[in-house]
Amino acid sequence: MDASGEVLAVQGDRSVEGFRKTQADVQAYADLMKRVTSGEKGLGVEVMKAEWALGKLTWEEAKKKADGLGKLTPKEQKQVTQIVLDAEVVERAMDTRDEEKFNAAYSRFKEIANDGYLPGPKAERAFWFTMLQGADQANDLKLYRRCVEQVKSILADNKRAEKYLQSLDERLAEMEEAVGADA
């Protein structure tokens, strides 16, 4: 927060490195906004990327900003699409305690994954953990295996996750055994 109470960023990674990155992102955003205020044009995508990095955009806000950007290069369009999809994933995954909303999120995530979507760093946990749970419930061995690989990658440096990762391997073995028994 700044001196007037405005939220400057939502802290994600709570490591020293994470706080330093957030501090650098806040400064970069402030510098970018000075450029915008001084009248520099063509910074819409950069502002959107900076706001997403700082946790300042909801899914609805990301969609509105994307719609207002006008003509974009293919690279800019890809960046904007990624932000909008990541914002959707984060928002949908936050409300998955309700079975109907979980099923809707899982279905949507499968749809965008089939279209080639890979979540960015801010959305990967929400995406893969939701997909993992859905694949488990659906007994989708192929998808569950892919999700386990992704979750292992996300938690690779987290020593506290060892038991959890082991439980994923055990569940995967159970699913594989069941498929083998059915074959």
C-alpha atoms as a PDB file:
ATOM      1  CA  MET A   1       0.000   0.000   0.000  1.00  0.00           C
ATOM      2  CA  ASP A   2       1.066   3.548  -0.516  1.00  0.00           C
ATOM      3  CA  ALA A   3       0.730   6.378   2.024  1.00  0.00           C
ATOM      4  CA  SER A   4      -2.892   7.030   0.966  1.00  0.00           C
ATOM      5  CA  GLY A   5      -3.883   3.364   1.376  1.00  0.00           C
ATOM      6  CA  GLU A   6      -4.010   2.418  -2.305  1.00  0.00           C
ATOM      7  CA  VAL A   7      -3.043  -1.209  -2.886  1.00  0.00           C
ATOM      8  CA  LEU A   8       0.060  -1.155  -5.049  1.00  0.00           C
ATOM      9  CA  ALA A   9       0.475  -4.911  -5.367  1.00  0.00           C
ATOM     10  CA  VAL A  10      -0.829  -8.218  -4.118  1.00  0.00           C
ATOM     11  CA  GLN A  11       2.123 -10.188  -2.787  1.00  0.00           C
ATOM     12  CA  GLY A  12       2.353 -13.713  -4.132  1.00  0.00           C
ATOM     13  CA  ASP A  13       5.729 -15.319  -3.478  1.00  0.00           C
ATOM     14  CA  ARG A  14       6.533 -14.606   0.164  1.00  0.00           C
ATOM     15  CA  SER A  15      10.250 -15.290  -0.085  1.00  0.00           C
ATOM     16  CA  VAL A  16      12.841 -12.522   0.141  1.00  0.00           C
ATOM     17  CA  GLU A  17      13.323 -12.845  -3.607  1.00  0.00           C
ATOM     18  CA  GLY A  18       9.555 -12.599  -4.099  1.00  0.00           C
ATOM     19  CA  PHE A  19       9.300  -9.397  -2.059  1.00  0.00           C
ATOM     20  CA  ARG A  20      12.232  -7.900  -3.974  1.00  0.00           C
ATOM     21  CA  LYS A  21      10.583  -8.757  -7.284  1.00  0.00           C
ATOM     22  CA  THR A  22       7.318  -7.171  -6.150  1.00  0.00           C
ATOM     23  CA  GLN A  23       9.198  -4.046  -5.074  1.00  0.00           C
ATOM     24  CA  ALA A  24      10.881  -3.865  -8.488  1.00  0.00           C
ATOM     25  CA  ASP A  25       7.515  -4.447 -10.223  1.00  0.00           C
ATOM     26  CA  VAL A  26       5.899  -1.637  -8.208  1.00  0.00           C
ATOM     27  CA  GLN A  27       8.715   0.736  -9.189  1.00  0.00           C
ATOM     28  CA  ALA A  28       8.515  -0.301 -12.848  1.00  0.00           C
ATOM     29  CA  TYR A  29       4.762   0.302 -12.790  1.00  0.00           C
ATOM     30  CA  ALA A  30       5.231   3.738 -11.232  1.00  0.00           C
ATOM     31  CA  ASP A  31       7.782   4.602 -13.926  1.00  0.00           C
ATOM     32  CA  LEU A  32       5.436   3.325 -16.638  1.00  0.00           C
ATOM     33  CA  MET A  33       2.539   5.381 -15.284  1.00  0.00           C
ATOM     34  CA  LYS A  34       4.721   8.510 -15.333  1.00  0.00           C
ATOM     35  CA  ARG A  35       5.266   7.870 -19.034  1.00  0.00           C
ATOM     36  CA  VAL A  36       1.522   7.456 -19.570  1.00  0.00           C
ATOM     37  CA  THR A  37       0.777  10.617 -17.592  1.00  0.00           C
ATOM     38  CA  SER A  38       3.310  12.563 -19.637  1.00  0.00           C
ATOM     39  CA  GLY A  39       1.328  11.633 -22.759  1.00  0.00           C
ATOM     40  CA  GLU A  40       3.346   8.782 -24.234  1.00  0.00           C
ATOM     41  CA  LYS A  41       1.131   6.638 -26.459  1.00  0.00           C
ATOM     42  CA  GLY A  42       1.115   2.934 -27.252  1.00  0.00           C
ATOM     43  CA  LEU A  43       1.707   1.693 -23.709  1.00  0.00           C
ATOM     44  CA  GLY A  44      -1.609  -0.100 -23.207  1.00  0.00           C
ATOM     45  CA  VAL A  45      -0.194  -3.619 -23.393  1.00  0.00           C
ATOM     46  CA  GLU A  46       2.722  -2.721 -21.124  1.00  0.00           C
ATOM     47  CA  VAL A  47       0.330  -1.208 -18.574  1.00  0.00           C
ATOM     48  CA  MET A  48      -1.873  -4.309 -18.721  1.00  0.00           C
ATOM     49  CA  LYS A  49       1.121  -6.616 -18.211  1.00  0.00           C
ATOM     50  CA  ALA A  50       2.334  -4.512 -15.282  1.00  0.00           C
ATOM     51  CA  GLU A  51      -1.105  -4.419 -13.661  1.00  0.00           C
ATOM     52  CA  TRP A  52      -1.436  -8.193 -14.030  1.00  0.00           C
ATOM     53  CA  ALA A  53       2.004  -8.731 -12.488  1.00  0.00           C
ATOM     54  CA  LEU A  54       0.950  -6.620  -9.498  1.00  0.00           C
ATOM     55  CA  GLY A  55      -2.385  -8.384  -9.010  1.00  0.00           C
ATOM     56  CA  LYS A  56      -4.356  -5.298  -9.997  1.00  0.00           C
ATOM     57  CA  LEU A  57      -6.607  -6.949 -12.619  1.00  0.00           C
ATOM     58  CA  THR A  58      -9.662  -9.110 -12.240  1.00  0.00           C
ATOM     59  CA  TRP A  59     -10.845 -11.241 -15.133  1.00  0.00           C
ATOM     60  CA  GLU A  60     -13.555  -8.702 -16.007  1.00  0.00           C
ATOM     61  CA  GLU A  61     -11.066  -5.820 -15.901  1.00  0.00           C
ATOM     62  CA  ALA A  62      -8.601  -7.770 -18.050  1.00  0.00           C
ATOM     63  CA  LYS A  63     -11.306  -8.416 -20.665  1.00  0.00           C
ATOM     64  CA  LYS A  64     -12.302  -4.728 -20.715  1.00  0.00           C
ATOM     65  CA  LYS A  65      -8.705  -3.577 -21.035  1.00  0.00           C
ATOM     66  CA  ALA A  66      -8.070  -6.101 -23.807  1.00  0.00           C
ATOM     67  CA  ASP A  67     -11.142  -4.913 -25.702  1.00  0.00           C
ATOM     68  CA  GLY A  68      -9.964  -1.291 -25.472  1.00  0.00           C
ATOM     69  CA  LEU A  69      -6.450  -1.809 -26.771  1.00  0.00           C
ATOM     70  CA  GLY A  70      -7.182  -1.553 -30.480  1.00  0.00           C
ATOM     71  CA  LYS A  71      -4.904  -3.024 -33.139  1.00  0.00           C
ATOM     72  CA  LEU A  72      -2.133  -5.197 -31.702  1.00  0.00           C
ATOM     73  CA  THR A  73       0.857  -6.991 -33.126  1.00  0.00           C
ATOM     74  CA  PRO A  74       0.655 -10.809 -33.044  1.00  0.00           C
ATOM     75  CA  LYS A  75       3.104 -10.814 -30.110  1.00  0.00           C
ATOM     76  CA  GLU A  76       1.036  -8.261 -28.175  1.00  0.00           C
ATOM     77  CA  GLN A  77      -2.181 -10.169 -28.949  1.00  0.00           C
ATOM     78  CA  LYS A  78      -0.617 -13.352 -27.578  1.00  0.00           C
ATOM     79  CA  GLN A  79       0.455 -11.537 -24.380  1.00  0.00           C
ATOM     80  CA  VAL A  80      -2.994  -9.990 -23.886  1.00  0.00           C
ATOM     81  CA  THR A  81      -4.771 -13.288 -24.557  1.00  0.00           C
ATOM     82  CA  GLN A  82      -2.493 -14.988 -22.012  1.00  0.00           C
ATOM     83  CA  ILE A  83      -3.343 -12.397 -19.357  1.00  0.00           C
ATOM     84  CA  VAL A  84      -7.089 -12.681 -19.980  1.00  0.00           C
ATOM     85  CA  LEU A  85      -6.990 -16.483 -19.856  1.00  0.00           C
ATOM     86  CA  ASP A  86      -4.775 -16.500 -16.766  1.00  0.00           C
ATOM     87  CA  ALA A  87      -7.148 -14.055 -15.051  1.00  0.00           C
ATOM     88  CA  GLU A  88     -10.075 -16.311 -15.952  1.00  0.00           C
ATOM     89  CA  VAL A  89      -8.291 -19.362 -14.548  1.00  0.00           C
ATOM     90  CA  VAL A  90      -7.373 -17.631 -11.291  1.00  0.00           C
ATOM     91  CA  GLU A  91     -10.892 -16.306 -10.801  1.00  0.00           C
ATOM     92  CA  ARG A  92     -12.667 -19.555 -11.686  1.00  0.00           C
ATOM     93  CA  ALA A  93     -10.336 -21.605  -9.465  1.00  0.00           C
ATOM     94  CA  MET A  94     -10.979 -19.356  -6.467  1.00  0.00           C
ATOM     95  CA  ASP A  95     -14.617 -20.430  -6.395  1.00  0.00           C
ATOM     96  CA  THR A  96     -14.417 -24.210  -6.755  1.00  0.00           C
ATOM     97  CA  ARG A  97     -15.700 -25.356  -3.371  1.00  0.00           C
ATOM     98  CA  ASP A  98     -19.168 -25.551  -4.877  1.00  0.00           C
ATOM     99  CA  GLU A  99     -19.433 -28.761  -6.940  1.00  0.00           C
ATOM    100  CA  GLU A 100     -21.263 -27.099  -9.821  1.00  0.00           C
ATOM    101  CA  LYS A 101     -18.693 -24.292 -10.050  1.00  0.00           C
ATOM    102  CA  PHE A 102     -15.851 -26.786  -9.766  1.00  0.00           C
ATOM    103  CA  ASN A 103     -17.272 -28.845 -12.617  1.00  0.00           C
ATOM    104  CA  ALA A 104     -17.708 -25.707 -14.728  1.00  0.00           C
ATOM    105  CA  ALA A 105     -14.117 -24.634 -14.041  1.00  0.00           C
ATOM    106  CA  TYR A 106     -12.749 -28.102 -14.771  1.00  0.00           C
ATOM    107  CA  SER A 107     -14.704 -28.301 -18.013  1.00  0.00           C
ATOM    108  CA  ARG A 108     -13.510 -24.851 -19.095  1.00  0.00           C
ATOM    109  CA  PHE A 109      -9.905 -25.623 -18.173  1.00  0.00           C
ATOM    110  CA  LYS A 110      -9.998 -28.824 -20.218  1.00  0.00           C
ATOM    111  CA  GLU A 111     -11.430 -26.866 -23.144  1.00  0.00           C
ATOM    112  CA  ILE A 112      -8.714 -24.220 -23.115  1.00  0.00           C
ATOM    113  CA  ALA A 113      -6.016 -26.847 -22.527  1.00  0.00           C
ATOM    114  CA  ASN A 114      -7.244 -28.672 -25.626  1.00  0.00           C
ATOM    115  CA  ASP A 115      -6.870 -25.380 -27.503  1.00  0.00           C
ATOM    116  CA  GLY A 116      -3.188 -25.315 -26.506  1.00  0.00           C
ATOM    117  CA  TYR A 117      -3.345 -23.031 -23.468  1.00  0.00           C
ATOM    118  CA  LEU A 118      -0.548 -23.302 -20.942  1.00  0.00           C
ATOM    119  CA  PRO A 119      -0.983 -21.127 -17.863  1.00  0.00           C
ATOM    120  CA  GLY A 120       1.487 -18.433 -16.931  1.00  0.00           C
ATOM    121  CA  PRO A 121       3.214 -18.344 -13.544  1.00  0.00           C
ATOM    122  CA  LYS A 122       0.348 -16.585 -11.749  1.00  0.00           C
ATOM    123  CA  ALA A 123      -2.232 -19.116 -12.944  1.00  0.00           C
ATOM    124  CA  GLU A 124      -0.359 -22.413 -13.119  1.00  0.00           C
ATOM    125  CA  ARG A 125      -1.121 -23.595  -9.580  1.00  0.00           C
ATOM    126  CA  ALA A 126      -4.825 -22.813  -9.870  1.00  0.00           C
ATOM    127  CA  PHE A 127      -5.002 -24.470 -13.271  1.00  0.00           C
ATOM    128  CA  TRP A 128      -3.083 -27.670 -12.611  1.00  0.00           C
ATOM    129  CA  PHE A 129      -4.487 -28.333  -9.138  1.00  0.00           C
ATOM    130  CA  THR A 130      -8.046 -27.933 -10.445  1.00  0.00           C
ATOM    131  CA  MET A 131      -7.267 -30.149 -13.432  1.00  0.00           C
ATOM    132  CA  LEU A 132      -5.646 -32.740 -11.136  1.00  0.00           C
ATOM    133  CA  GLN A 133      -8.713 -32.969  -8.923  1.00  0.00           C
ATOM    134  CA  GLY A 134     -11.049 -33.159 -11.911  1.00  0.00           C
ATOM    135  CA  ALA A 135      -8.974 -35.820 -13.663  1.00  0.00           C
ATOM    136  CA  ASP A 136      -8.930 -37.848 -10.456  1.00  0.00           C
ATOM    137  CA  GLN A 137     -12.705 -37.614 -10.068  1.00  0.00           C
ATOM    138  CA  ALA A 138     -13.215 -38.508 -13.736  1.00  0.00           C
ATOM    139  CA  ASN A 139     -10.707 -41.375 -13.552  1.00  0.00           C
ATOM    140  CA  ASP A 140      -8.960 -39.843 -16.576  1.00  0.00           C
ATOM    141  CA  LEU A 141      -5.589 -41.604 -16.330  1.00  0.00           C
ATOM    142  CA  LYS A 142      -3.909 -39.776 -19.215  1.00  0.00           C
ATOM    143  CA  LEU A 143      -4.879 -36.329 -17.929  1.00  0.00           C
ATOM    144  CA  TYR A 144      -4.148 -37.267 -14.313  1.00  0.00           C
ATOM    145  CA  ARG A 145      -0.640 -38.379 -15.305  1.00  0.00           C
ATOM    146  CA  ARG A 146      -0.040 -35.056 -17.091  1.00  0.00           C
ATOM    147  CA  CYS A 147      -1.348 -33.114 -14.103  1.00  0.00           C
ATOM    148  CA  VAL A 148       0.874 -35.032 -11.686  1.00  0.00           C
ATOM    149  CA  GLU A 149       3.906 -34.142 -13.821  1.00  0.00           C
ATOM    150  CA  GLN A 150       2.935 -30.470 -13.813  1.00  0.00           C
ATOM    151  CA  VAL A 151       2.214 -30.375 -10.072  1.00  0.00           C
ATOM    152  CA  LYS A 152       5.566 -32.050  -9.390  1.00  0.00           C
ATOM    153  CA  SER A 153       7.246 -29.388 -11.470  1.00  0.00           C
ATOM    154  CA  ILE A 154       5.452 -26.606  -9.576  1.00  0.00           C
ATOM    155  CA  LEU A 155       6.314 -28.095  -6.166  1.00  0.00           C
ATOM    156  CA  ALA A 156       9.791 -29.392  -7.049  1.00  0.00           C
ATOM    157  CA  ASP A 157      11.589 -27.071  -4.624  1.00  0.00           C
ATOM    158  CA  ASN A 158       9.069 -27.417  -1.809  1.00  0.00           C
ATOM    159  CA  LYS A 159      10.395 -29.932   0.731  1.00  0.00           C
ATOM    160  CA  ARG A 160       7.118 -29.781   2.670  1.00  0.00           C
ATOM    161  CA  ALA A 161       5.286 -31.190  -0.362  1.00  0.00           C
ATOM    162  CA  GLU A 162       7.131 -34.518  -0.432  1.00  0.00           C
ATOM    163  CA  LYS A 163       4.332 -36.513   1.251  1.00  0.00           C
ATOM    164  CA  TYR A 164       1.720 -34.892  -0.936  1.00  0.00           C
ATOM    165  CA  LEU A 165       3.687 -35.694  -4.091  1.00  0.00           C
ATOM    166  CA  GLN A 166       4.132 -39.254  -2.892  1.00  0.00           C
ATOM    167  CA  SER A 167       0.358 -39.531  -2.429  1.00  0.00           C
ATOM    168  CA  LEU A 168      -0.090 -38.381  -6.050  1.00  0.00           C
ATOM    169  CA  ASP A 169       2.269 -41.109  -7.232  1.00  0.00           C
ATOM    170  CA  GLU A 170       0.357 -43.666  -5.173  1.00  0.00           C
ATOM    171  CA  ARG A 171      -2.968 -42.562  -6.631  1.00  0.00           C
ATOM    172  CA  LEU A 172      -1.472 -42.668 -10.128  1.00  0.00           C
ATOM    173  CA  ALA A 173      -0.284 -46.237  -9.514  1.00  0.00           C
ATOM    174  CA  GLU A 174      -3.800 -47.169  -8.326  1.00  0.00           C
ATOM    175  CA  MET A 175      -5.331 -45.700 -11.468  1.00  0.00           C
ATOM    176  CA  GLU A 176      -2.803 -47.477 -13.693  1.00  0.00           C
ATOM    177  CA  GLU A 177      -3.435 -50.769 -11.898  1.00  0.00           C
ATOM    178  CA  ALA A 178      -7.200 -50.371 -12.340  1.00  0.00           C
ATOM    179  CA  VAL A 179      -6.770 -49.717 -16.056  1.00  0.00           C
ATOM    180  CA  GLY A 180      -4.458 -52.741 -16.328  1.00  0.00           C
ATOM    181  CA  ALA A 181      -7.003 -54.901 -14.546  1.00  0.00           C
ATOM    182  CA  ASP A 182      -9.736 -53.733 -16.923  1.00  0.00           C
ATOM    183  CA  ALA A 183      -7.648 -54.407 -20.033  1.00  0.00           C
END
